[in-house]
C-alpha atoms as a PDB file:
ATOM      1  CA  MET A   1      60.348 223.391 -60.544  1.00  0.00           C
ATOM      2  CA  GLN A   2      62.847 220.779 -58.652  1.00  0.00           C
ATOM      3  CA  ALA A   3      64.178 221.704 -55.377  1.00  0.00           C
ATOM      4  CA  ILE A   4      67.995 222.526 -55.034  1.00  0.00           C
ATOM      5  CA  GLU A   5      70.055 219.495 -53.745  1.00  0.00           C
ATOM      6  CA  THR A   6      71.776 220.114 -50.698  1.00  0.00           C
ATOM      7  CA  ILE A   7      74.954 217.727 -50.004  1.00  0.00           C
ATOM      8  CA  GLU A   8      76.810 217.755 -46.822  1.00  0.00           C
ATOM      9  CA  VAL A   9      80.494 217.181 -47.065  1.00  0.00           C
ATOM     10  CA  GLU A  10      83.747 216.377 -44.896  1.00  0.00           C
ATOM     11  CA  LYS A  11      86.082 218.735 -47.074  1.00  0.00           C
ATOM     12  CA  SER A  12      86.008 222.187 -48.030  1.00  0.00           C
ATOM     13  CA  LYS A  13      87.218 221.385 -51.448  1.00  0.00           C
ATOM     14  CA  ILE A  14      85.248 219.488 -53.614  1.00  0.00           C
ATOM     15  CA  ALA A  15      84.528 218.356 -57.171  1.00  0.00           C
ATOM     16  CA  CYS A  16      80.901 218.092 -58.815  1.00  0.00           C
ATOM     17  CA  ASP A  17      79.865 216.727 -62.079  1.00  0.00           C
ATOM     18  CA  GLY A  18      76.160 216.939 -61.894  1.00  0.00           C
ATOM     19  CA  GLY A  19      75.557 213.477 -60.639  1.00  0.00           C
ATOM     20  CA  LYS A  20      74.049 212.105 -63.648  1.00  0.00           C
ATOM     21  CA  GLY A  21      76.914 210.234 -65.625  1.00  0.00           C
ATOM     22  CA  ALA A  22      76.816 211.594 -69.355  1.00  0.00           C
ATOM     23  CA  LEU A  23      74.048 213.702 -68.745  1.00  0.00           C
ATOM     24  CA  GLY A  24      75.773 215.578 -66.083  1.00  0.00           C
ATOM     25  CA  HIS A  25      77.991 218.561 -66.682  1.00  0.00           C
ATOM     26  CA  PRO A  26      81.898 219.068 -66.795  1.00  0.00           C
ATOM     27  CA  ARG A  27      83.636 218.235 -63.806  1.00  0.00           C
ATOM     28  CA  VAL A  28      84.365 221.560 -61.589  1.00  0.00           C
ATOM     29  CA  PHE A  29      86.249 222.158 -58.726  1.00  0.00           C
ATOM     30  CA  LEU A  30      84.959 224.106 -56.079  1.00  0.00           C
ATOM     31  CA  ASN A  31      86.375 225.718 -53.031  1.00  0.00           C
ATOM     32  CA  MET A  32      84.314 226.649 -50.010  1.00  0.00           C
ATOM     33  CA  GLY A  33      87.063 228.974 -48.588  1.00  0.00           C
ATOM     34  CA  ASP A  34      85.749 229.967 -44.940  1.00  0.00           C
ATOM     35  CA  LYS A  35      82.008 230.041 -45.666  1.00  0.00           C
ATOM     36  CA  GLY A  36      81.332 226.280 -44.964  1.00  0.00           C
ATOM     37  CA  GLN A  37      79.315 226.055 -48.117  1.00  0.00           C
ATOM     38  CA  VAL A  38      79.502 226.609 -51.842  1.00  0.00           C
ATOM     39  CA  GLU A  39      77.268 226.460 -54.925  1.00  0.00           C
ATOM     40  CA  CYS A  40      78.079 224.593 -58.142  1.00  0.00           C
ATOM     41  CA  PRO A  41      77.751 227.225 -61.018  1.00  0.00           C
ATOM     42  CA  TYR A  42      76.382 224.391 -63.392  1.00  0.00           C
ATOM     43  CA  CYS A  43      73.615 222.538 -61.559  1.00  0.00           C
ATOM     44  CA  GLY A  44      73.147 224.710 -58.662  1.00  0.00           C
ATOM     45  CA  ARG A  45      73.768 221.939 -56.033  1.00  0.00           C
ATOM     46  CA  VAL A  46      74.764 223.247 -52.541  1.00  0.00           C
ATOM     47  CA  TYR A  47      77.441 221.639 -50.793  1.00  0.00           C
ATOM     48  CA  VAL A  48      77.605 222.511 -47.109  1.00  0.00           C
ATOM     49  CA  LEU A  49      80.435 221.190 -44.663  1.00  0.00           C
ATOM     50  CA  LYS A  50      79.306 218.651 -42.064  1.00  0.00           C
ATOM     51  CA  PRO A  51      78.956 219.974 -38.682  1.00  0.00           C
ATOM     52  CA  GLY A  52      82.345 219.070 -36.699  1.00  0.00           C
ATOM     53  CA  ALA A  53      84.408 219.277 -39.943  1.00  0.00           C
ATOM     54  CA  LYS A  54      86.946 221.954 -40.195  1.00  0.00           C
ATOM     55  CA  PRO A  55      87.009 224.474 -43.250  1.00  0.00           C
ATOM     56  CA  GLY A  56      90.538 224.554 -45.276  1.00  0.00           C
ATOM     57  CA  GLY A  57      93.446 222.300 -44.433  1.00  0.00           C
ATOM     58  CA  ASP A  58      92.624 219.825 -47.380  1.00  0.00           C
ATOM     59  CA  HIS A  59      95.309 218.860 -49.816  1.00  0.00           C
END
């Protein structure tokens, strides 16, 4: 079984497409809210806010 990929980001609102081009999944937009992390419901990637970055305030 493959380990779940964790990606550090600087914004609390991100988009995930699986990262495999045509073999990925439909692009979904995810919002961490105040939790500081979110998991993609399609591929299971976990996005976490980088240390020092503040949740929210994105446009």
